[in-house]
């Protein structure tokens, strides 16, 4: 496993972390910034993102246009997490997408044994799909649950 393949993820989460500790030191803000940056990477080339994402995502395999909608949903979720009180509908969508993402990654990597690149940082990255992708979705689901019970 080459460290270079993880460079985009390190850059996104490192930048998010530095912005967060500078501003508020809040996990919710960290997640909001991280999700916005990940959405930005997908929006840079939605077609390339979609080509990678369709190989493992369960929703995009059922809904043709989902690859065009998902990055905007992710951006909306990230922006909502930056608000002190995000709308409960957005939090629920984040929860559903987080759980769906965990299931999709788990199925592709651990059940189907596919060797794919993660589409989470765009379509051209060579970051392997696996535990990091699973944790990214898990964190979105955890953040959603924390906000729903808040």
N, C-alpha and C. Protein backbone atom coordinates (compact mmCIF):
# COMPACT_ATOMS: atom_id res chain seq x y z
N UNK A 1 0.85 -1.16 0.00
CA UNK A 1 0.00 0.00 0.00
C UNK A 1 0.90 1.24 0.00
N UNK A 2 0.71 2.08 -0.97
CA UNK A 2 1.52 3.27 -1.09
C UNK A 2 0.88 4.42 -0.33
N UNK A 3 1.70 5.15 0.44
CA UNK A 3 1.18 6.29 1.20
C UNK A 3 0.66 7.36 0.26
N UNK A 4 1.23 7.47 -0.95
CA UNK A 4 0.79 8.49 -1.90
C UNK A 4 -0.69 8.34 -2.24
N UNK A 5 -1.19 7.13 -2.23
CA UNK A 5 -2.60 6.91 -2.56
C UNK A 5 -3.52 7.52 -1.50
N UNK A 6 -3.01 7.74 -0.31
CA UNK A 6 -3.81 8.32 0.76
C UNK A 6 -3.60 9.83 0.89
N UNK A 7 -2.77 10.42 0.05
CA UNK A 7 -2.48 11.84 0.12
C UNK A 7 -3.72 12.71 0.07
N UNK A 8 -4.68 12.48 -0.85
CA UNK A 8 -5.88 13.33 -0.85
C UNK A 8 -6.68 13.24 0.45
N UNK A 9 -6.80 12.05 1.01
CA UNK A 9 -7.54 11.91 2.27
C UNK A 9 -6.80 12.60 3.41
N UNK A 10 -5.50 12.45 3.46
CA UNK A 10 -4.71 13.11 4.49
C UNK A 10 -4.85 14.62 4.35
N UNK A 11 -4.82 15.12 3.12
CA UNK A 11 -4.97 16.56 2.89
C UNK A 11 -6.34 17.06 3.33
N UNK A 12 -7.41 16.34 2.98
CA UNK A 12 -8.76 16.76 3.35
C UNK A 12 -8.94 16.76 4.87
N UNK A 13 -8.64 15.64 5.51
CA UNK A 13 -8.88 15.56 6.94
C UNK A 13 -7.87 16.37 7.74
N UNK A 14 -6.65 16.48 7.27
CA UNK A 14 -5.65 17.33 7.93
C UNK A 14 -6.05 18.78 7.88
N UNK A 15 -6.48 19.24 6.70
CA UNK A 15 -6.93 20.62 6.56
C UNK A 15 -8.16 20.88 7.41
N UNK A 16 -9.12 19.96 7.38
CA UNK A 16 -10.33 20.10 8.20
C UNK A 16 -9.98 20.19 9.67
N UNK A 17 -9.07 19.36 10.11
CA UNK A 17 -8.67 19.34 11.52
C UNK A 17 -8.02 20.66 11.91
N UNK A 18 -7.11 21.16 11.08
CA UNK A 18 -6.44 22.42 11.39
C UNK A 18 -7.41 23.60 11.42
N UNK A 19 -8.36 23.63 10.48
CA UNK A 19 -9.37 24.69 10.49
C UNK A 19 -10.21 24.58 11.76
N UNK A 20 -10.58 23.36 12.12
CA UNK A 20 -11.43 23.15 13.28
C UNK A 20 -10.75 23.59 14.57
N UNK A 21 -9.51 23.17 14.79
CA UNK A 21 -8.85 23.55 16.04
C UNK A 21 -8.58 25.04 16.09
N UNK A 22 -8.46 25.65 14.93
CA UNK A 22 -8.27 27.10 14.89
C UNK A 22 -9.56 27.82 15.25
N UNK A 23 -10.69 27.31 14.79
CA UNK A 23 -11.97 28.00 14.98
C UNK A 23 -12.68 27.61 16.27
N UNK A 24 -13.08 26.38 16.38
CA UNK A 24 -13.99 26.03 17.47
C UNK A 24 -13.65 24.77 18.26
N UNK A 25 -12.80 23.94 17.76
CA UNK A 25 -12.48 22.68 18.44
C UNK A 25 -13.72 21.82 18.65
N UNK A 26 -14.53 21.68 17.61
CA UNK A 26 -15.77 20.93 17.70
C UNK A 26 -15.77 19.79 16.68
N UNK A 27 -16.15 18.59 17.13
CA UNK A 27 -16.23 17.45 16.22
C UNK A 27 -17.27 17.70 15.13
N UNK A 28 -18.36 18.36 15.48
CA UNK A 28 -19.40 18.67 14.50
C UNK A 28 -18.85 19.58 13.40
N UNK A 29 -18.07 20.58 13.76
CA UNK A 29 -17.47 21.49 12.78
C UNK A 29 -16.45 20.73 11.93
N UNK A 30 -15.65 19.90 12.57
CA UNK A 30 -14.68 19.07 11.84
C UNK A 30 -15.37 18.22 10.79
N UNK A 31 -16.47 17.58 11.17
CA UNK A 31 -17.21 16.75 10.22
C UNK A 31 -17.81 17.60 9.10
N UNK A 32 -18.34 18.76 9.44
CA UNK A 32 -18.92 19.64 8.43
C UNK A 32 -17.89 20.08 7.40
N UNK A 33 -16.74 20.51 7.88
CA UNK A 33 -15.67 20.94 6.97
C UNK A 33 -15.19 19.77 6.12
N UNK A 34 -14.95 18.63 6.76
CA UNK A 34 -14.47 17.45 6.03
C UNK A 34 -15.45 17.02 4.94
N UNK A 35 -16.71 16.97 5.28
CA UNK A 35 -17.73 16.54 4.31
C UNK A 35 -17.82 17.54 3.16
N UNK A 36 -17.75 18.83 3.46
CA UNK A 36 -17.76 19.85 2.39
C UNK A 36 -16.57 19.67 1.45
N UNK A 37 -15.39 19.44 2.02
CA UNK A 37 -14.19 19.26 1.19
C UNK A 37 -14.28 17.99 0.35
N UNK A 38 -14.81 16.92 0.92
CA UNK A 38 -14.98 15.68 0.15
C UNK A 38 -16.00 15.88 -0.98
N UNK A 39 -17.06 16.63 -0.72
CA UNK A 39 -18.04 16.93 -1.77
C UNK A 39 -17.38 17.75 -2.87
N UNK A 40 -16.54 18.70 -2.49
CA UNK A 40 -15.85 19.53 -3.47
C UNK A 40 -15.00 18.67 -4.41
N UNK A 41 -14.31 17.68 -3.86
CA UNK A 41 -13.48 16.81 -4.69
C UNK A 41 -14.34 16.02 -5.69
N UNK A 42 -15.51 15.60 -5.28
CA UNK A 42 -16.41 14.88 -6.18
C UNK A 42 -16.96 15.81 -7.26
N UNK A 43 -17.29 17.03 -6.86
CA UNK A 43 -17.88 17.99 -7.79
C UNK A 43 -16.89 18.46 -8.86
N UNK A 44 -15.60 18.27 -8.62
CA UNK A 44 -14.59 18.68 -9.60
C UNK A 44 -14.71 17.89 -10.89
N UNK A 45 -15.19 16.65 -10.79
CA UNK A 45 -15.41 15.83 -11.98
C UNK A 45 -16.44 14.75 -11.62
N UNK A 46 -17.70 15.10 -11.72
CA UNK A 46 -18.78 14.19 -11.32
C UNK A 46 -18.77 12.91 -12.14
N UNK A 47 -18.46 13.01 -13.43
CA UNK A 47 -18.44 11.81 -14.28
C UNK A 47 -17.39 10.80 -13.79
N UNK A 48 -16.19 11.28 -13.49
CA UNK A 48 -15.13 10.38 -13.01
C UNK A 48 -15.51 9.80 -11.65
N UNK A 49 -16.07 10.65 -10.78
CA UNK A 49 -16.55 10.17 -9.49
C UNK A 49 -17.58 9.06 -9.70
N UNK A 50 -18.56 9.31 -10.57
CA UNK A 50 -19.63 8.36 -10.82
C UNK A 50 -19.16 7.03 -11.35
N UNK A 51 -18.16 7.07 -12.23
CA UNK A 51 -17.61 5.84 -12.79
C UNK A 51 -17.06 4.94 -11.69
N UNK A 52 -16.34 5.54 -10.73
CA UNK A 52 -15.79 4.77 -9.61
C UNK A 52 -16.88 4.36 -8.62
N UNK A 53 -17.76 5.28 -8.32
CA UNK A 53 -18.77 5.08 -7.29
C UNK A 53 -19.76 3.97 -7.66
N UNK A 54 -20.15 3.91 -8.93
CA UNK A 54 -21.11 2.90 -9.39
C UNK A 54 -20.61 1.48 -9.20
N UNK A 55 -19.31 1.31 -9.10
CA UNK A 55 -18.74 -0.03 -8.97
C UNK A 55 -19.05 -0.68 -7.63
N UNK A 56 -19.38 0.14 -6.62
CA UNK A 56 -19.64 -0.46 -5.31
C UNK A 56 -20.84 0.11 -4.57
N UNK A 57 -21.33 1.27 -4.91
CA UNK A 57 -22.42 1.88 -4.16
C UNK A 57 -23.76 1.21 -4.48
N UNK A 58 -24.48 0.83 -3.45
CA UNK A 58 -25.75 0.12 -3.62
C UNK A 58 -26.87 1.03 -4.14
N UNK A 59 -26.88 2.30 -3.74
CA UNK A 59 -27.93 3.20 -4.21
C UNK A 59 -27.74 3.53 -5.68
N UNK A 60 -26.51 3.85 -6.08
CA UNK A 60 -26.29 4.23 -7.49
C UNK A 60 -26.50 3.06 -8.44
N UNK A 61 -26.43 1.84 -7.92
CA UNK A 61 -26.72 0.69 -8.77
C UNK A 61 -28.22 0.56 -9.05
N UNK A 62 -29.05 1.21 -8.23
CA UNK A 62 -30.51 1.16 -8.40
C UNK A 62 -31.07 2.44 -9.03
N UNK A 63 -30.43 3.58 -8.78
CA UNK A 63 -30.90 4.87 -9.28
C UNK A 63 -29.85 5.46 -10.23
N UNK A 64 -30.19 5.55 -11.50
CA UNK A 64 -29.23 6.01 -12.51
C UNK A 64 -28.65 7.39 -12.23
N UNK A 65 -29.45 8.34 -11.83
CA UNK A 65 -28.98 9.70 -11.65
C UNK A 65 -28.34 9.99 -10.30
N UNK A 66 -28.25 8.98 -9.45
CA UNK A 66 -27.76 9.18 -8.09
C UNK A 66 -26.35 9.76 -8.06
N UNK A 67 -25.50 9.40 -9.00
CA UNK A 67 -24.12 9.93 -8.99
C UNK A 67 -24.09 11.44 -9.16
N UNK A 68 -25.12 12.00 -9.76
CA UNK A 68 -25.19 13.46 -9.95
C UNK A 68 -25.81 14.16 -8.74
N UNK A 69 -26.57 13.43 -7.96
CA UNK A 69 -27.25 13.99 -6.80
C UNK A 69 -26.38 13.88 -5.54
N UNK A 70 -25.69 12.76 -5.39
CA UNK A 70 -24.95 12.48 -4.16
C UNK A 70 -23.97 13.58 -3.75
N UNK A 71 -23.11 14.07 -4.66
CA UNK A 71 -22.16 15.12 -4.21
C UNK A 71 -22.85 16.37 -3.67
N UNK A 72 -24.01 16.72 -4.23
CA UNK A 72 -24.75 17.88 -3.74
C UNK A 72 -25.39 17.59 -2.39
N UNK A 73 -25.88 16.37 -2.21
CA UNK A 73 -26.40 15.97 -0.89
C UNK A 73 -25.29 16.04 0.15
N UNK A 74 -24.13 15.55 -0.22
CA UNK A 74 -23.00 15.57 0.70
C UNK A 74 -22.60 17.00 1.06
N UNK A 75 -22.59 17.89 0.08
CA UNK A 75 -22.28 19.29 0.34
C UNK A 75 -23.32 19.91 1.27
N UNK A 76 -24.59 19.63 1.03
CA UNK A 76 -25.67 20.13 1.89
C UNK A 76 -25.52 19.61 3.32
N UNK A 77 -25.16 18.34 3.45
CA UNK A 77 -24.94 17.75 4.77
C UNK A 77 -23.78 18.46 5.47
N UNK A 78 -22.68 18.65 4.75
CA UNK A 78 -21.52 19.31 5.34
C UNK A 78 -21.84 20.72 5.79
N UNK A 79 -22.52 21.47 4.95
CA UNK A 79 -22.90 22.84 5.31
C UNK A 79 -23.85 22.82 6.51
N UNK A 80 -24.76 21.87 6.53
CA UNK A 80 -25.71 21.77 7.66
C UNK A 80 -24.98 21.45 8.97
N UNK A 81 -23.97 20.58 8.89
CA UNK A 81 -23.21 20.25 10.10
C UNK A 81 -22.45 21.48 10.62
N UNK A 82 -22.19 22.45 9.77
CA UNK A 82 -21.51 23.67 10.21
C UNK A 82 -22.45 24.59 10.98
N UNK A 83 -23.75 24.39 10.86
CA UNK A 83 -24.72 25.16 11.64
C UNK A 83 -24.82 24.57 13.03
N UNK A 84 -25.10 25.39 14.02
CA UNK A 84 -25.19 24.88 15.38
C UNK A 84 -26.37 23.92 15.55
N UNK A 85 -27.45 24.16 14.81
CA UNK A 85 -28.63 23.29 14.88
C UNK A 85 -29.08 22.91 13.47
N UNK A 86 -28.45 21.88 12.89
CA UNK A 86 -28.85 21.47 11.54
C UNK A 86 -30.28 20.95 11.51
N UNK A 87 -30.92 21.09 10.38
CA UNK A 87 -32.30 20.62 10.20
C UNK A 87 -32.34 19.10 10.35
N UNK A 88 -33.35 18.60 11.04
CA UNK A 88 -33.44 17.16 11.32
C UNK A 88 -33.57 16.32 10.06
N UNK A 89 -34.20 16.84 9.00
CA UNK A 89 -34.30 16.10 7.75
C UNK A 89 -32.91 15.87 7.14
N UNK A 90 -32.07 16.88 7.17
CA UNK A 90 -30.70 16.76 6.64
C UNK A 90 -29.91 15.76 7.47
N UNK A 91 -30.09 15.81 8.78
CA UNK A 91 -29.39 14.85 9.66
C UNK A 91 -29.84 13.43 9.35
N UNK A 92 -31.13 13.24 9.14
CA UNK A 92 -31.66 11.92 8.80
C UNK A 92 -31.08 11.44 7.47
N UNK A 93 -31.01 12.32 6.48
CA UNK A 93 -30.41 11.96 5.18
C UNK A 93 -28.95 11.55 5.38
N UNK A 94 -28.23 12.30 6.20
CA UNK A 94 -26.83 11.96 6.48
C UNK A 94 -26.72 10.58 7.13
N UNK A 95 -27.63 10.28 8.04
CA UNK A 95 -27.63 8.97 8.69
C UNK A 95 -27.86 7.86 7.67
N UNK A 96 -28.85 8.05 6.81
CA UNK A 96 -29.16 7.04 5.79
C UNK A 96 -27.97 6.86 4.84
N UNK A 97 -27.37 7.97 4.41
CA UNK A 97 -26.22 7.87 3.50
C UNK A 97 -25.01 7.25 4.18
N UNK A 98 -24.80 7.56 5.45
CA UNK A 98 -23.69 6.96 6.19
C UNK A 98 -23.85 5.46 6.32
N UNK A 99 -25.04 5.03 6.70
CA UNK A 99 -25.31 3.59 6.86
C UNK A 99 -25.24 2.90 5.50
N UNK A 100 -25.83 3.49 4.49
CA UNK A 100 -25.77 2.91 3.14
C UNK A 100 -24.32 2.80 2.66
N UNK A 101 -23.54 3.83 2.93
CA UNK A 101 -22.13 3.80 2.53
C UNK A 101 -21.36 2.70 3.25
N UNK A 102 -21.61 2.54 4.55
CA UNK A 102 -20.94 1.46 5.30
C UNK A 102 -21.29 0.10 4.73
N UNK A 103 -22.56 -0.11 4.45
CA UNK A 103 -23.01 -1.39 3.89
C UNK A 103 -22.38 -1.62 2.52
N UNK A 104 -22.38 -0.58 1.68
CA UNK A 104 -21.81 -0.69 0.33
C UNK A 104 -20.33 -1.06 0.38
N UNK A 105 -19.58 -0.36 1.22
CA UNK A 105 -18.13 -0.62 1.33
C UNK A 105 -17.89 -2.01 1.90
N UNK A 106 -18.61 -2.36 2.95
CA UNK A 106 -18.44 -3.68 3.57
C UNK A 106 -18.71 -4.79 2.57
N UNK A 107 -19.80 -4.65 1.84
CA UNK A 107 -20.16 -5.67 0.84
C UNK A 107 -19.08 -5.78 -0.24
N UNK A 108 -18.68 -4.65 -0.80
CA UNK A 108 -17.70 -4.67 -1.89
C UNK A 108 -16.35 -5.22 -1.46
N UNK A 109 -15.87 -4.77 -0.31
CA UNK A 109 -14.51 -5.13 0.12
C UNK A 109 -14.45 -6.47 0.82
N UNK A 110 -15.36 -6.69 1.77
CA UNK A 110 -15.23 -7.86 2.62
C UNK A 110 -16.06 -9.07 2.18
N UNK A 111 -17.16 -8.85 1.50
CA UNK A 111 -17.97 -9.97 1.02
C UNK A 111 -17.63 -10.33 -0.43
N UNK A 112 -17.64 -9.30 -1.30
CA UNK A 112 -17.36 -9.55 -2.72
C UNK A 112 -15.87 -9.59 -3.03
N UNK A 113 -15.04 -9.17 -2.07
CA UNK A 113 -13.56 -9.17 -2.21
C UNK A 113 -13.08 -8.37 -3.44
N UNK A 114 -13.74 -7.24 -3.71
CA UNK A 114 -13.36 -6.41 -4.85
C UNK A 114 -12.17 -5.54 -4.48
N UNK A 115 -11.28 -5.34 -5.41
CA UNK A 115 -10.12 -4.46 -5.24
C UNK A 115 -10.41 -3.19 -6.03
N UNK A 116 -11.05 -2.22 -5.39
CA UNK A 116 -11.47 -1.00 -6.05
C UNK A 116 -10.82 0.21 -5.39
N UNK A 117 -10.85 1.32 -6.11
CA UNK A 117 -10.42 2.59 -5.54
C UNK A 117 -11.64 3.28 -4.95
N UNK A 118 -11.40 4.03 -3.89
CA UNK A 118 -12.47 4.76 -3.23
C UNK A 118 -12.84 5.99 -4.03
N UNK A 119 -14.12 6.18 -4.26
CA UNK A 119 -14.61 7.35 -4.98
C UNK A 119 -14.83 8.54 -4.05
N UNK A 120 -14.55 8.36 -2.76
CA UNK A 120 -14.85 9.41 -1.78
C UNK A 120 -14.05 10.68 -2.02
N UNK A 121 -12.93 10.58 -2.71
CA UNK A 121 -12.11 11.77 -2.97
C UNK A 121 -12.04 12.08 -4.46
N UNK A 122 -13.07 11.68 -5.17
CA UNK A 122 -13.12 11.94 -6.60
C UNK A 122 -12.87 10.69 -7.40
N UNK A 123 -12.92 10.82 -8.69
CA UNK A 123 -12.85 9.65 -9.56
C UNK A 123 -11.47 9.20 -9.97
N UNK A 124 -10.47 10.06 -9.82
CA UNK A 124 -9.15 9.70 -10.32
C UNK A 124 -8.18 9.26 -9.23
N UNK A 125 -8.57 9.33 -7.99
CA UNK A 125 -7.68 8.98 -6.89
C UNK A 125 -7.43 7.48 -6.86
N UNK A 126 -6.28 7.13 -6.37
CA UNK A 126 -5.90 5.72 -6.28
C UNK A 126 -5.90 5.24 -4.83
N UNK A 127 -6.78 5.81 -4.03
CA UNK A 127 -6.92 5.38 -2.65
C UNK A 127 -7.78 4.12 -2.62
N UNK A 128 -7.25 3.03 -2.05
CA UNK A 128 -8.02 1.79 -2.06
C UNK A 128 -9.28 1.87 -1.21
N UNK A 129 -10.35 1.27 -1.72
CA UNK A 129 -11.60 1.17 -0.98
C UNK A 129 -11.37 0.19 0.16
N UNK A 130 -11.74 0.58 1.36
CA UNK A 130 -11.53 -0.32 2.49
C UNK A 130 -11.92 0.33 3.80
N UNK A 131 -11.13 0.07 4.82
CA UNK A 131 -11.46 0.48 6.18
C UNK A 131 -11.57 2.00 6.31
N UNK A 132 -10.75 2.77 5.61
CA UNK A 132 -10.83 4.23 5.69
C UNK A 132 -12.18 4.70 5.16
N UNK A 133 -12.63 4.12 4.05
CA UNK A 133 -13.93 4.47 3.46
C UNK A 133 -15.06 4.07 4.40
N UNK A 134 -14.92 2.91 5.02
CA UNK A 134 -15.93 2.44 5.96
C UNK A 134 -16.02 3.40 7.15
N UNK A 135 -14.86 3.82 7.69
CA UNK A 135 -14.82 4.71 8.84
C UNK A 135 -15.39 6.09 8.48
N UNK A 136 -15.11 6.56 7.29
CA UNK A 136 -15.67 7.85 6.83
C UNK A 136 -17.20 7.82 6.91
N UNK A 137 -17.81 6.75 6.42
CA UNK A 137 -19.26 6.61 6.47
C UNK A 137 -19.75 6.39 7.91
N UNK A 138 -18.99 5.66 8.68
CA UNK A 138 -19.34 5.43 10.08
C UNK A 138 -19.36 6.76 10.85
N UNK A 139 -18.36 7.61 10.61
CA UNK A 139 -18.33 8.91 11.29
C UNK A 139 -19.52 9.78 10.91
N UNK A 140 -19.92 9.74 9.64
CA UNK A 140 -21.09 10.51 9.23
C UNK A 140 -22.34 9.98 9.95
N UNK A 141 -22.45 8.67 10.08
CA UNK A 141 -23.60 8.08 10.77
C UNK A 141 -23.57 8.43 12.26
N UNK A 142 -22.39 8.33 12.88
CA UNK A 142 -22.27 8.66 14.31
C UNK A 142 -22.62 10.13 14.55
N UNK A 143 -22.09 11.03 13.72
CA UNK A 143 -22.38 12.45 13.87
C UNK A 143 -23.88 12.69 13.76
N UNK A 144 -24.52 11.99 12.83
CA UNK A 144 -25.97 12.14 12.64
C UNK A 144 -26.74 11.69 13.87
N UNK A 145 -26.35 10.56 14.42
CA UNK A 145 -27.02 10.04 15.63
C UNK A 145 -26.83 11.02 16.79
N UNK A 146 -25.61 11.52 16.95
CA UNK A 146 -25.35 12.48 18.03
C UNK A 146 -26.20 13.74 17.88
N UNK A 147 -26.36 14.21 16.65
CA UNK A 147 -27.18 15.40 16.41
C UNK A 147 -28.66 15.11 16.60
N UNK A 148 -29.10 13.92 16.24
CA UNK A 148 -30.52 13.57 16.41
C UNK A 148 -30.92 13.46 17.87
N UNK A 149 -29.99 12.97 18.72
CA UNK A 149 -30.32 12.83 20.15
C UNK A 149 -30.02 14.10 20.94
N UNK A 150 -29.38 15.07 20.31
CA UNK A 150 -29.01 16.34 20.96
C UNK A 150 -30.24 17.17 21.28
